[in-house]
Amino acid sequence: MDGAGGVGGGGEVGGAGGVGGAGGSEAATVAQASVSSAGGGPAVYSGTPIVFVNGQSNATAGYWASAAVYNGPDLVTWDGAKWATAFADLGGDNVLGTGPWAGRLTRSLMKGGDTGRVQNLGWPGKAIAYFLPTSLDVAIINGTLDAMNRNNYAVARAMWTDAGYEPHLIGWAQGEADGGRSKTAYHADLTALIAAWTKDFPALERVLLLKTAASACGADTSGVRAAQEQVASENALVSLVSADDLTGVALYHGGCHYTLSGYDLIADRMLAALK
């Protein structure tokens, strides 16, 4: 397959990353992101972008009208039956939505003539147990329980099989709902999830892991954060992306989520992790 699997993984990216400015009003600069961000030069990852996003509310990332700038007929998502036009201005909890940072990241990786394929199966408020292959929870898809009573992981695996593709990149944004858990416990679950992805998606080149904010949503996330750091140090497939510097400023609000500008910066830092 295309790309340069695993190059430069295992680190933590926390700089401002690239596309000049991050607000929706500056989103039109996204077309240059793949060649101008994080120090210049082409991204190490060079394949056609096929992106899978999962996690809780910072994965689905809300509904932001200005994110429509990333939309277009060449950005598509699997609607359960076919590849259909995707909408970055719709949250990832909508069957046609990518969420803003997933749309921006995928658009940034697209070269002339590419079709960017992105699927977001996140759901707000869910602990990591919901996403594991062993989960007993029925997946919530587009606001309703899966008709076949499958869990989130089984839905994802079947979806990619039916769609005829495998994800090259996985973006994971989850951890707030696991506040209070120990480093050991969360590490075990996250390691198991990544191992399952690696087994079931052999084309996978990189896992882009958004570091959960300190005290996110009022919870003690120190164990989660420590586990995420350890996983990134142990697994060259994993790049840990930090938005810690956004905490307490306007780009991070409510103690849980980010503004559109914050999500834009997260996308750019994920892009930088692929350099």
C-alpha atoms as a PDB file:
ATOM      1  CA  MET A   1       0.000   0.000   0.000  1.00  0.00           C
ATOM      2  CA  ASP A   2       0.962   3.647  -0.233  1.00  0.00           C
ATOM      3  CA  GLY A   3       2.665   5.499   2.559  1.00  0.00           C
ATOM      4  CA  ALA A   4       5.551   5.049   4.897  1.00  0.00           C
ATOM      5  CA  GLY A   5       4.052   3.023   7.702  1.00  0.00           C
ATOM      6  CA  GLY A   6       5.016   3.886  11.213  1.00  0.00           C
ATOM      7  CA  VAL A   7       7.715   6.449  10.541  1.00  0.00           C
ATOM      8  CA  GLY A   8       8.246   8.747  13.454  1.00  0.00           C
ATOM      9  CA  GLY A   9       5.599   7.266  15.749  1.00  0.00           C
ATOM     10  CA  GLY A  10       5.967   6.915  19.482  1.00  0.00           C
ATOM     11  CA  GLY A  11       6.519  10.617  20.190  1.00  0.00           C
ATOM     12  CA  GLU A  12       4.416  13.447  21.524  1.00  0.00           C
ATOM     13  CA  VAL A  13       3.440  16.423  19.395  1.00  0.00           C
ATOM     14  CA  GLY A  14       2.369  19.555  21.219  1.00  0.00           C
ATOM     15  CA  GLY A  15       3.560  22.526  19.151  1.00  0.00           C
ATOM     16  CA  ALA A  16       1.208  24.772  17.361  1.00  0.00           C
ATOM     17  CA  GLY A  17       1.653  22.778  14.174  1.00  0.00           C
ATOM     18  CA  GLY A  18       0.895  24.495  11.159  1.00  0.00           C
ATOM     19  CA  VAL A  19      -1.803  25.890   9.089  1.00  0.00           C
ATOM     20  CA  GLY A  20      -1.475  29.625   9.702  1.00  0.00           C
ATOM     21  CA  GLY A  21      -3.996  30.357  12.377  1.00  0.00           C
ATOM     22  CA  ALA A  22      -6.708  27.967  13.381  1.00  0.00           C
ATOM     23  CA  GLY A  23     -10.014  29.778  13.274  1.00  0.00           C
ATOM     24  CA  GLY A  24     -12.827  28.923  10.936  1.00  0.00           C
ATOM     25  CA  SER A  25     -12.267  32.213   9.131  1.00  0.00           C
ATOM     26  CA  GLU A  26      -8.795  31.034   8.180  1.00  0.00           C
ATOM     27  CA  ALA A  27      -9.844  27.535   7.268  1.00  0.00           C
ATOM     28  CA  ALA A  28      -9.386  28.172   3.553  1.00  0.00           C
ATOM     29  CA  THR A  29      -5.645  27.834   4.084  1.00  0.00           C
ATOM     30  CA  VAL A  30      -6.097  24.141   4.798  1.00  0.00           C
ATOM     31  CA  ALA A  31      -5.255  23.201   1.208  1.00  0.00           C
ATOM     32  CA  GLN A  32      -1.642  24.126   1.897  1.00  0.00           C
ATOM     33  CA  ALA A  33      -1.404  22.214   5.173  1.00  0.00           C
ATOM     34  CA  SER A  34       0.171  19.063   3.813  1.00  0.00           C
ATOM     35  CA  VAL A  35       3.188  20.926   2.510  1.00  0.00           C
ATOM     36  CA  SER A  36       3.541  23.867   4.856  1.00  0.00           C
ATOM     37  CA  SER A  37       2.824  22.778   8.404  1.00  0.00           C
ATOM     38  CA  ALA A  38       5.228  21.725  11.149  1.00  0.00           C
ATOM     39  CA  GLY A  39       8.453  22.895   9.618  1.00  0.00           C
ATOM     40  CA  GLY A  40       7.735  22.518   5.907  1.00  0.00           C
ATOM     41  CA  GLY A  41       8.368  19.701   3.506  1.00  0.00           C
ATOM     42  CA  PRO A  42       6.039  16.881   2.500  1.00  0.00           C
ATOM     43  CA  ALA A  43       4.414  14.722   5.124  1.00  0.00           C
ATOM     44  CA  VAL A  44       6.036  11.357   5.799  1.00  0.00           C
ATOM     45  CA  TYR A  45       2.618   9.808   5.270  1.00  0.00           C
ATOM     46  CA  SER A  46       1.986   9.998   1.540  1.00  0.00           C
ATOM     47  CA  GLY A  47      -0.830   7.553   0.890  1.00  0.00           C
ATOM     48  CA  THR A  48      -4.401   8.314  -0.081  1.00  0.00           C
ATOM     49  CA  PRO A  49      -6.070   9.347   3.180  1.00  0.00           C
ATOM     50  CA  ILE A  50      -8.309   6.639   4.617  1.00  0.00           C
ATOM     51  CA  VAL A  51      -9.077   7.737   8.145  1.00  0.00           C
ATOM     52  CA  PHE A  52     -10.999   6.127  11.008  1.00  0.00           C
ATOM     53  CA  VAL A  53     -11.916   8.299  13.982  1.00  0.00           C
ATOM     54  CA  ASN A  54     -13.309   6.993  17.239  1.00  0.00           C
ATOM     55  CA  GLY A  55     -13.726   7.988  20.853  1.00  0.00           C
ATOM     56  CA  GLN A  56     -16.059  10.203  22.828  1.00  0.00           C
ATOM     57  CA  SER A  57     -17.193  13.803  22.418  1.00  0.00           C
ATOM     58  CA  ASN A  58     -13.823  15.259  21.421  1.00  0.00           C
ATOM     59  CA  ALA A  59     -13.809  12.686  18.624  1.00  0.00           C
ATOM     60  CA  THR A  60     -17.288  13.529  17.379  1.00  0.00           C
ATOM     61  CA  ALA A  61     -16.318  17.180  18.051  1.00  0.00           C
ATOM     62  CA  GLY A  62     -19.652  18.916  17.670  1.00  0.00           C
ATOM     63  CA  TYR A  63     -21.490  20.792  14.925  1.00  0.00           C
ATOM     64  CA  TRP A  64     -19.661  23.833  13.518  1.00  0.00           C
ATOM     65  CA  ALA A  65     -21.081  25.569  10.449  1.00  0.00           C
ATOM     66  CA  SER A  66     -17.722  27.105   9.512  1.00  0.00           C
ATOM     67  CA  ALA A  67     -16.211  23.622   9.128  1.00  0.00           C
ATOM     68  CA  ALA A  68     -18.207  23.265   5.907  1.00  0.00           C
ATOM     69  CA  VAL A  69     -15.155  24.702   4.128  1.00  0.00           C
ATOM     70  CA  TYR A  70     -13.650  21.189   4.292  1.00  0.00           C
ATOM     71  CA  ASN A  71     -16.635  19.614   2.532  1.00  0.00           C
ATOM     72  CA  GLY A  72     -16.737  18.567  -1.098  1.00  0.00           C
ATOM     73  CA  PRO A  73     -17.680  15.611  -3.272  1.00  0.00           C
ATOM     74  CA  ASP A  74     -14.134  14.241  -2.912  1.00  0.00           C
ATOM     75  CA  LEU A  75     -14.531  13.867   0.885  1.00  0.00           C
ATOM     76  CA  VAL A  76     -16.653  10.806   1.536  1.00  0.00           C
ATOM     77  CA  THR A  77     -17.876   8.597   4.359  1.00  0.00           C
ATOM     78  CA  TRP A  78     -19.557   5.190   4.481  1.00  0.00           C
ATOM     79  CA  ASP A  79     -23.283   5.608   5.132  1.00  0.00           C
ATOM     80  CA  GLY A  80     -23.930   1.933   5.791  1.00  0.00           C
ATOM     81  CA  ALA A  81     -24.568   1.060   2.162  1.00  0.00           C
ATOM     82  CA  LYS A  82     -22.272   3.196   0.005  1.00  0.00           C
ATOM     83  CA  TRP A  83     -19.603   5.892   0.046  1.00  0.00           C
ATOM     84  CA  ALA A  84     -21.489   9.179   0.297  1.00  0.00           C
ATOM     85  CA  THR A  85     -20.483  12.837   0.535  1.00  0.00           C
ATOM     86  CA  ALA A  86     -19.213  13.601   4.039  1.00  0.00           C
ATOM     87  CA  PHE A  87     -19.865  16.752   6.047  1.00  0.00           C
ATOM     88  CA  ALA A  88     -17.224  18.138   8.366  1.00  0.00           C
ATOM     89  CA  ASP A  89     -19.741  20.624   9.767  1.00  0.00           C
ATOM     90  CA  LEU A  90     -21.725  17.720  11.214  1.00  0.00           C
ATOM     91  CA  GLY A  91     -20.513  15.924  14.316  1.00  0.00           C
ATOM     92  CA  GLY A  92     -19.145  12.422  14.065  1.00  0.00           C
ATOM     93  CA  ASP A  93     -22.269  11.116  15.821  1.00  0.00           C
ATOM     94  CA  ASN A  94     -24.159  11.839  12.586  1.00  0.00           C
ATOM     95  CA  VAL A  95     -23.932   9.064  10.000  1.00  0.00           C
ATOM     96  CA  LEU A  96     -22.720  11.563   7.367  1.00  0.00           C
ATOM     97  CA  GLY A  97     -20.640  13.671   9.737  1.00  0.00           C
ATOM     98  CA  THR A  98     -16.893  13.556  10.196  1.00  0.00           C
ATOM     99  CA  GLY A  99     -16.578  16.242  12.859  1.00  0.00           C
ATOM    100  CA  PRO A 100     -14.353  19.267  12.189  1.00  0.00           C
ATOM    101  CA  TRP A 101     -10.873  18.025  13.036  1.00  0.00           C
ATOM    102  CA  ALA A 102     -11.346  14.733  11.186  1.00  0.00           C
ATOM    103  CA  GLY A 103     -12.551  16.610   8.110  1.00  0.00           C
ATOM    104  CA  ARG A 104      -9.687  19.097   8.285  1.00  0.00           C
ATOM    105  CA  LEU A 105      -7.063  16.398   8.810  1.00  0.00           C
ATOM    106  CA  THR A 106      -8.325  14.290   5.935  1.00  0.00           C
ATOM    107  CA  ARG A 107      -8.628  17.288   3.613  1.00  0.00           C
ATOM    108  CA  SER A 108      -5.091  18.345   4.553  1.00  0.00           C
ATOM    109  CA  LEU A 109      -3.719  14.948   3.517  1.00  0.00           C
ATOM    110  CA  MET A 110      -5.474  14.906   0.154  1.00  0.00           C
ATOM    111  CA  LYS A 111      -3.487  15.549  -2.989  1.00  0.00           C
ATOM    112  CA  GLY A 112      -4.877  16.521  -6.374  1.00  0.00           C
ATOM    113  CA  GLY A 113      -7.314  13.889  -7.565  1.00  0.00           C
ATOM    114  CA  ASP A 114      -7.526  12.083  -4.215  1.00  0.00           C
ATOM    115  CA  THR A 115     -10.728  10.939  -2.650  1.00  0.00           C
ATOM    116  CA  GLY A 116     -10.484  11.318   1.114  1.00  0.00           C
ATOM    117  CA  ARG A 117     -12.294   8.548   2.956  1.00  0.00           C
ATOM    118  CA  VAL A 118     -13.125   9.135   6.600  1.00  0.00           C
ATOM    119  CA  GLN A 119     -15.407   7.382   9.041  1.00  0.00           C
ATOM    120  CA  ASN A 120     -16.248   8.558  12.551  1.00  0.00           C
ATOM    121  CA  LEU A 121     -17.925   6.056  14.891  1.00  0.00           C
ATOM    122  CA  GLY A 122     -17.457   8.025  18.091  1.00  0.00           C
ATOM    123  CA  TRP A 123     -20.167   8.598  20.654  1.00  0.00           C
ATOM    124  CA  PRO A 124     -20.144  11.187  23.447  1.00  0.00           C
ATOM    125  CA  GLY A 125     -19.633  10.226  27.060  1.00  0.00           C
ATOM    126  CA  LYS A 126     -18.422   6.675  26.510  1.00  0.00           C
ATOM    127  CA  ALA A 127     -15.644   5.031  28.507  1.00  0.00           C
ATOM    128  CA  ILE A 128     -13.040   2.998  26.670  1.00  0.00           C
ATOM    129  CA  ALA A 129     -14.833  -0.249  27.590  1.00  0.00           C
ATOM    130  CA  TYR A 130     -17.573   0.679  25.105  1.00  0.00           C
ATOM    131  CA  PHE A 131     -15.068   0.597  22.226  1.00  0.00           C
ATOM    132  CA  LEU A 132     -13.284  -2.664  23.032  1.00  0.00           C
ATOM    133  CA  PRO A 133     -13.826  -5.849  21.008  1.00  0.00           C
ATOM    134  CA  THR A 134     -15.073  -7.501  24.201  1.00  0.00           C
ATOM    135  CA  SER A 135     -17.688  -4.830  24.955  1.00  0.00           C
ATOM    136  CA  LEU A 136     -21.170  -6.019  25.880  1.00  0.00           C
ATOM    137  CA  ASP A 137     -22.690  -2.644  24.979  1.00  0.00           C
ATOM    138  CA  VAL A 138     -24.722  -2.403  21.792  1.00  0.00           C
ATOM    139  CA  ALA A 139     -23.283   0.286  19.540  1.00  0.00           C
ATOM    140  CA  ILE A 140     -25.144   3.550  19.043  1.00  0.00           C
ATOM    141  CA  ILE A 141     -25.200   4.460  15.357  1.00  0.00           C
ATOM    142  CA  ASN A 142     -26.716   7.765  14.263  1.00  0.00           C
ATOM    143  CA  GLY A 143     -28.597   7.978  17.553  1.00  0.00           C
ATOM    144  CA  THR A 144     -30.096   4.485  17.539  1.00  0.00           C
ATOM    145  CA  LEU A 145     -28.936   1.104  18.778  1.00  0.00           C
ATOM    146  CA  ASP A 146     -27.372  -1.114  16.140  1.00  0.00           C
ATOM    147  CA  ALA A 147     -30.098  -3.295  14.630  1.00  0.00           C
ATOM    148  CA  MET A 148     -27.844  -6.370  14.758  1.00  0.00           C
ATOM    149  CA  ASN A 149     -26.930  -5.808  18.419  1.00  0.00           C
ATOM    150  CA  ARG A 150     -23.237  -5.507  17.602  1.00  0.00           C
ATOM    151  CA  ASN A 151     -20.808  -3.572  19.720  1.00  0.00           C
ATOM    152  CA  ASN A 152     -18.910  -0.538  18.432  1.00  0.00           C
ATOM    153  CA  TYR A 153     -15.836  -2.547  17.520  1.00  0.00           C
ATOM    154  CA  ALA A 154     -17.807  -5.155  15.561  1.00  0.00           C
ATOM    155  CA  VAL A 155     -19.658  -2.418  13.683  1.00  0.00           C
ATOM    156  CA  ALA A 156     -16.365  -0.760  12.755  1.00  0.00           C
ATOM    157  CA  ARG A 157     -14.813  -3.978  11.521  1.00  0.00           C
ATOM    158  CA  ALA A 158     -17.874  -4.900   9.447  1.00  0.00           C
ATOM    159  CA  MET A 159     -18.174  -1.364   8.079  1.00  0.00           C
ATOM    160  CA  TRP A 160     -14.631  -1.296   6.734  1.00  0.00           C
ATOM    161  CA  THR A 161     -15.061  -4.792   5.276  1.00  0.00           C
ATOM    162  CA  ASP A 162     -18.308  -3.811   3.553  1.00  0.00           C
ATOM    163  CA  ALA A 163     -16.761  -0.568   2.312  1.00  0.00           C
ATOM    164  CA  GLY A 164     -13.880  -2.433   0.690  1.00  0.00           C
ATOM    165  CA  TYR A 165     -11.123  -0.483   2.425  1.00  0.00           C
ATOM    166  CA  GLU A 166      -8.962  -0.545   5.530  1.00  0.00           C
ATOM    167  CA  PRO A 167      -8.037   2.570   7.495  1.00  0.00           C
ATOM    168  CA  HIS A 168      -4.467   3.788   7.079  1.00  0.00           C
ATOM    169  CA  LEU A 169      -4.785   6.223   9.977  1.00  0.00           C
ATOM    170  CA  ILE A 170      -6.808   6.034  13.187  1.00  0.00           C
ATOM    171  CA  GLY A 171      -7.558   9.123  15.249  1.00  0.00           C
ATOM    172  CA  TRP A 172      -8.490   8.348  18.859  1.00  0.00           C
ATOM    173  CA  ALA A 173      -9.888  10.997  21.223  1.00  0.00           C
ATOM    174  CA  GLN A 174     -11.155   9.444  24.439  1.00  0.00           C
ATOM    175  CA  GLY A 175     -10.380   9.356  28.140  1.00  0.00           C
ATOM    176  CA  GLU A 176     -12.542  11.869  29.962  1.00  0.00           C
ATOM    177  CA  ALA A 177     -15.141   9.221  30.836  1.00  0.00           C
ATOM    178  CA  ASP A 178     -12.393   7.082  32.377  1.00  0.00           C
ATOM    179  CA  GLY A 179     -11.417   9.745  34.896  1.00  0.00           C
ATOM    180  CA  GLY A 180     -10.454   8.225  38.210  1.00  0.00           C
ATOM    181  CA  ARG A 181      -9.115   4.997  36.734  1.00  0.00           C
ATOM    182  CA  SER A 182      -5.580   3.890  37.392  1.00  0.00           C
ATOM    183  CA  LYS A 183      -2.767   4.074  34.884  1.00  0.00           C
ATOM    184  CA  THR A 184      -2.527   0.280  34.910  1.00  0.00           C
ATOM    185  CA  ALA A 185      -6.208  -0.276  34.158  1.00  0.00           C
ATOM    186  CA  TYR A 186      -6.467   2.238  31.330  1.00  0.00           C
ATOM    187  CA  HIS A 187      -3.135   1.134  29.881  1.00  0.00           C
ATOM    188  CA  ALA A 188      -4.411  -2.446  29.655  1.00  0.00           C
ATOM    189  CA  ASP A 189      -7.558  -1.409  27.810  1.00  0.00           C
ATOM    190  CA  LEU A 190      -5.837   0.973  25.408  1.00  0.00           C
ATOM    191  CA  THR A 191      -3.132  -1.570  24.633  1.00  0.00           C
ATOM    192  CA  ALA A 192      -5.777  -4.209  23.927  1.00  0.00           C
ATOM    193  CA  LEU A 193      -7.690  -1.873  21.614  1.00  0.00           C
ATOM    194  CA  ILE A 194      -4.614  -0.928  19.598  1.00  0.00           C
ATOM    195  CA  ALA A 195      -3.587  -4.592  19.365  1.00  0.00           C
ATOM    196  CA  ALA A 196      -7.025  -5.431  17.970  1.00  0.00           C
ATOM    197  CA  TRP A 197      -6.790  -2.619  15.413  1.00  0.00           C
ATOM    198  CA  THR A 198      -3.367  -3.832  14.355  1.00  0.00           C
ATOM    199  CA  LYS A 199      -4.665  -7.370  13.891  1.00  0.00           C
ATOM    200  CA  ASP A 200      -7.886  -6.489  12.081  1.00  0.00           C
ATOM    201  CA  PHE A 201      -6.555  -3.602   9.979  1.00  0.00           C
ATOM    202  CA  PRO A 202      -3.186  -4.738   8.561  1.00  0.00           C
ATOM    203  CA  ALA A 203      -2.960  -1.601   6.413  1.00  0.00           C
ATOM    204  CA  LEU A 204      -2.903   0.604   9.510  1.00  0.00           C
ATOM    205  CA  GLU A 205       0.100   2.936   9.505  1.00  0.00           C
ATOM    206  CA  ARG A 206      -0.431   5.232  12.446  1.00  0.00           C
ATOM    207  CA  VAL A 207      -2.610   5.787  15.490  1.00  0.00           C
ATOM    208  CA  LEU A 208      -2.990   9.485  16.311  1.00  0.00           C
ATOM    209  CA  LEU A 209      -3.848   9.646  19.998  1.00  0.00           C
ATOM    210  CA  LEU A 210      -5.204  12.909  21.406  1.00  0.00           C
ATOM    211  CA  LYS A 211      -3.905  13.278  24.950  1.00  0.00           C
ATOM    212  CA  THR A 212      -6.783  13.723  27.370  1.00  0.00           C
ATOM    213  CA  ALA A 213      -6.683  17.093  29.096  1.00  0.00           C
ATOM    214  CA  ALA A 214      -5.727  17.327  32.761  1.00  0.00           C
ATOM    215  CA  SER A 215      -8.829  17.304  34.993  1.00  0.00           C
ATOM    216  CA  ALA A 216     -11.022  17.079  31.896  1.00  0.00           C
ATOM    217  CA  CYS A 217     -14.732  17.399  32.653  1.00  0.00           C
ATOM    218  CA  GLY A 218     -13.819  17.782  36.317  1.00  0.00           C
ATOM    219  CA  ALA A 219     -12.408  14.266  36.584  1.00  0.00           C
ATOM    220  CA  ASP A 220      -9.018  13.063  37.749  1.00  0.00           C
ATOM    221  CA  THR A 221      -7.500  12.065  34.431  1.00  0.00           C
ATOM    222  CA  SER A 222      -3.941  11.646  35.718  1.00  0.00           C
ATOM    223  CA  GLY A 223      -4.068   7.851  35.365  1.00  0.00           C
ATOM    224  CA  VAL A 224      -5.462   8.075  31.837  1.00  0.00           C
ATOM    225  CA  ARG A 225      -2.818  10.602  30.791  1.00  0.00           C
ATOM    226  CA  ALA A 226       0.006   8.552  32.251  1.00  0.00           C
ATOM    227  CA  ALA A 227      -1.275   5.460  30.453  1.00  0.00           C
ATOM    228  CA  GLN A 228      -1.479   7.337  27.149  1.00  0.00           C
ATOM    229  CA  GLU A 229       2.105   8.529  27.570  1.00  0.00           C
ATOM    230  CA  GLN A 230       3.280   4.998  28.306  1.00  0.00           C
ATOM    231  CA  VAL A 231       1.474   3.496  25.327  1.00  0.00           C
ATOM    232  CA  ALA A 232       3.009   6.094  22.998  1.00  0.00           C
ATOM    233  CA  SER A 233       6.483   5.373  24.394  1.00  0.00           C
ATOM    234  CA  GLU A 234       6.027   1.631  23.940  1.00  0.00           C
ATOM    235  CA  ASN A 235       4.430   1.483  20.495  1.00  0.00           C
ATOM    236  CA  ALA A 236       6.045   3.088  17.448  1.00  0.00           C
ATOM    237  CA  LEU A 237       2.662   2.991  15.696  1.00  0.00           C
ATOM    238  CA  VAL A 238       1.287   5.555  18.159  1.00  0.00           C
ATOM    239  CA  SER A 239       1.812   9.322  18.060  1.00  0.00           C
ATOM    240  CA  LEU A 240       0.581  11.204  21.131  1.00  0.00           C
ATOM    241  CA  VAL A 241      -0.837  14.617  20.256  1.00  0.00           C
ATOM    242  CA  SER A 242      -1.122  17.141  23.078  1.00  0.00           C
ATOM    243  CA  ALA A 243      -3.436  20.104  23.382  1.00  0.00           C
ATOM    244  CA  ASP A 244      -2.413  20.795  26.979  1.00  0.00           C
ATOM    245  CA  ASP A 245      -1.481  24.386  26.205  1.00  0.00           C
ATOM    246  CA  LEU A 246      -5.077  25.103  25.166  1.00  0.00           C
ATOM    247  CA  THR A 247      -6.418  24.303  28.633  1.00  0.00           C
ATOM    248  CA  GLY A 248      -7.609  27.404  30.437  1.00  0.00           C
ATOM    249  CA  VAL A 249      -7.667  29.578  27.340  1.00  0.00           C
ATOM    250  CA  ALA A 250     -10.456  30.489  24.958  1.00  0.00           C
ATOM    251  CA  LEU A 251      -9.769  27.569  22.609  1.00  0.00           C
ATOM    252  CA  TYR A 252     -10.780  25.138  25.359  1.00  0.00           C
ATOM    253  CA  HIS A 253     -14.090  25.800  27.035  1.00  0.00           C
ATOM    254  CA  GLY A 254     -16.348  24.264  29.623  1.00  0.00           C
ATOM    255  CA  GLY A 255     -13.532  22.146  30.985  1.00  0.00           C
ATOM    256  CA  CYS A 256     -14.375  19.365  28.516  1.00  0.00           C
ATOM    257  CA  HIS A 257     -14.338  20.470  24.888  1.00  0.00           C
ATOM    258  CA  TYR A 258     -12.657  22.753  22.379  1.00  0.00           C
ATOM    259  CA  THR A 259     -13.870  25.507  20.124  1.00  0.00           C
ATOM    260  CA  LEU A 260     -13.641  25.113  16.361  1.00  0.00           C
ATOM    261  CA  SER A 261     -10.303  26.916  16.474  1.00  0.00           C
ATOM    262  CA  GLY A 262      -9.109  24.415  19.059  1.00  0.00           C
ATOM    263  CA  TYR A 263     -10.195  21.480  16.932  1.00  0.00           C
ATOM    264  CA  ASP A 264      -8.445  23.039  13.940  1.00  0.00           C
ATOM    265  CA  LEU A 265      -5.212  23.183  15.940  1.00  0.00           C
ATOM    266  CA  ILE A 266      -5.654  19.562  16.982  1.00  0.00           C
ATOM    267  CA  ALA A 267      -5.982  18.557  13.317  1.00  0.00           C
ATOM    268  CA  ASP A 268      -2.826  20.479  12.469  1.00  0.00           C
ATOM    269  CA  ARG A 269      -0.898  18.844  15.288  1.00  0.00           C
ATOM    270  CA  MET A 270      -2.017  15.439  14.112  1.00  0.00           C
ATOM    271  CA  LEU A 271      -0.783  16.391  10.671  1.00  0.00           C
ATOM    272  CA  ALA A 272       2.534  17.445  12.197  1.00  0.00           C
ATOM    273  CA  ALA A 273       2.809  14.029  13.849  1.00  0.00           C
ATOM    274  CA  LEU A 274       2.900  12.494  10.365  1.00  0.00           C
ATOM    275  CA  LYS A 275       5.990  14.446   9.345  1.00  0.00           C
END
